[in-house]
Amino acid sequence: MEYMDSGFAMSLRALQEGLVPKLKGAWNLFGMRSIDTMLKKTAPQWWYAYKEKKAFALAEKEIS
């Protein structure tokens, strides 16, 4: 991707109410992030293909 003009992007995050969503967020931040980093270094092609397949499956589920 190449940007032709300057731009601005902002990402906002907020804690959800309840214990379960907070625990899931902590897992994503501290657990899954470490796993993702490790797999991007050790098996990048396989990991990318897996995540792409998962993303398409989730998108298809939402569409139907």
Protein backbone atom coordinates (compact mmCIF):
# COMPACT_ATOMS: atom_id res chain seq x y z
CA MET A 1 0.00 0.00 0.00
CA GLU A 2 1.30 3.44 -0.86
CA TYR A 3 -0.21 6.66 0.37
CA MET A 4 -0.35 9.47 -2.17
CA ASP A 5 -1.21 12.19 0.37
CA SER A 6 -0.63 12.69 4.03
CA GLY A 7 -3.29 11.43 6.39
CA PHE A 8 -4.30 10.83 9.96
CA ALA A 9 -5.53 7.70 11.71
CA MET A 10 -6.63 7.13 15.27
CA SER A 11 -7.44 3.96 17.15
CA LEU A 12 -9.55 4.18 20.28
CA ARG A 13 -9.92 1.44 22.84
CA ALA A 14 -12.14 1.17 25.87
CA LEU A 15 -12.60 -1.45 28.55
CA GLN A 16 -15.85 -3.33 28.31
CA GLU A 17 -18.03 -3.87 31.33
CA GLY A 18 -17.97 -7.27 33.00
CA LEU A 19 -15.21 -9.66 33.96
CA VAL A 20 -15.35 -12.04 30.98
CA PRO A 21 -14.82 -9.36 28.29
CA LYS A 22 -11.96 -7.86 30.33
CA LEU A 23 -10.29 -11.28 30.65
CA LYS A 24 -10.71 -11.91 26.92
CA GLY A 25 -9.13 -8.54 26.18
CA ALA A 26 -6.21 -9.29 28.51
CA TRP A 27 -5.71 -12.67 26.79
CA ASN A 28 -5.71 -11.03 23.36
CA LEU A 29 -3.24 -8.39 24.49
CA PHE A 30 -0.79 -10.51 26.48
CA GLY A 31 -1.33 -14.12 25.36
CA MET A 32 -2.43 -14.11 21.75
CA ARG A 33 -0.17 -11.21 20.82
CA SER A 34 2.89 -13.20 21.94
CA ILE A 35 1.72 -16.27 20.04
CA ASP A 36 1.08 -14.17 16.93
CA THR A 37 4.55 -12.62 17.08
CA MET A 38 6.20 -16.02 17.53
CA LEU A 39 4.30 -17.63 14.65
CA LYS A 40 4.97 -14.69 12.32
CA LYS A 41 8.69 -15.35 12.89
CA THR A 42 8.71 -19.16 12.85
CA ALA A 43 6.01 -20.06 10.29
CA PRO A 44 5.01 -16.86 8.47
CA GLN A 45 3.42 -18.40 5.37
CA TRP A 46 1.42 -21.00 7.27
CA TRP A 47 0.31 -18.49 9.92
CA TYR A 48 -0.77 -15.91 7.34
CA ALA A 49 -2.74 -18.54 5.39
CA TYR A 50 -4.40 -19.75 8.60
CA LYS A 51 -5.41 -16.24 9.66
CA GLU A 52 -6.67 -15.41 6.17
CA LYS A 53 -8.79 -18.59 6.06
CA LYS A 54 -10.19 -17.80 9.53
CA ALA A 55 -10.99 -14.19 8.54
CA PHE A 56 -12.82 -15.27 5.39
CA ALA A 57 -14.81 -17.90 7.33
CA LEU A 58 -15.86 -15.33 9.94
CA ALA A 59 -16.80 -12.82 7.23
CA GLU A 60 -18.84 -15.42 5.37
CA LYS A 61 -20.64 -16.32 8.61
CA GLU A 62 -21.55 -12.67 9.21
CA ILE A 63 -22.75 -12.17 5.63
CA SER A 64 -25.07 -15.17 5.69
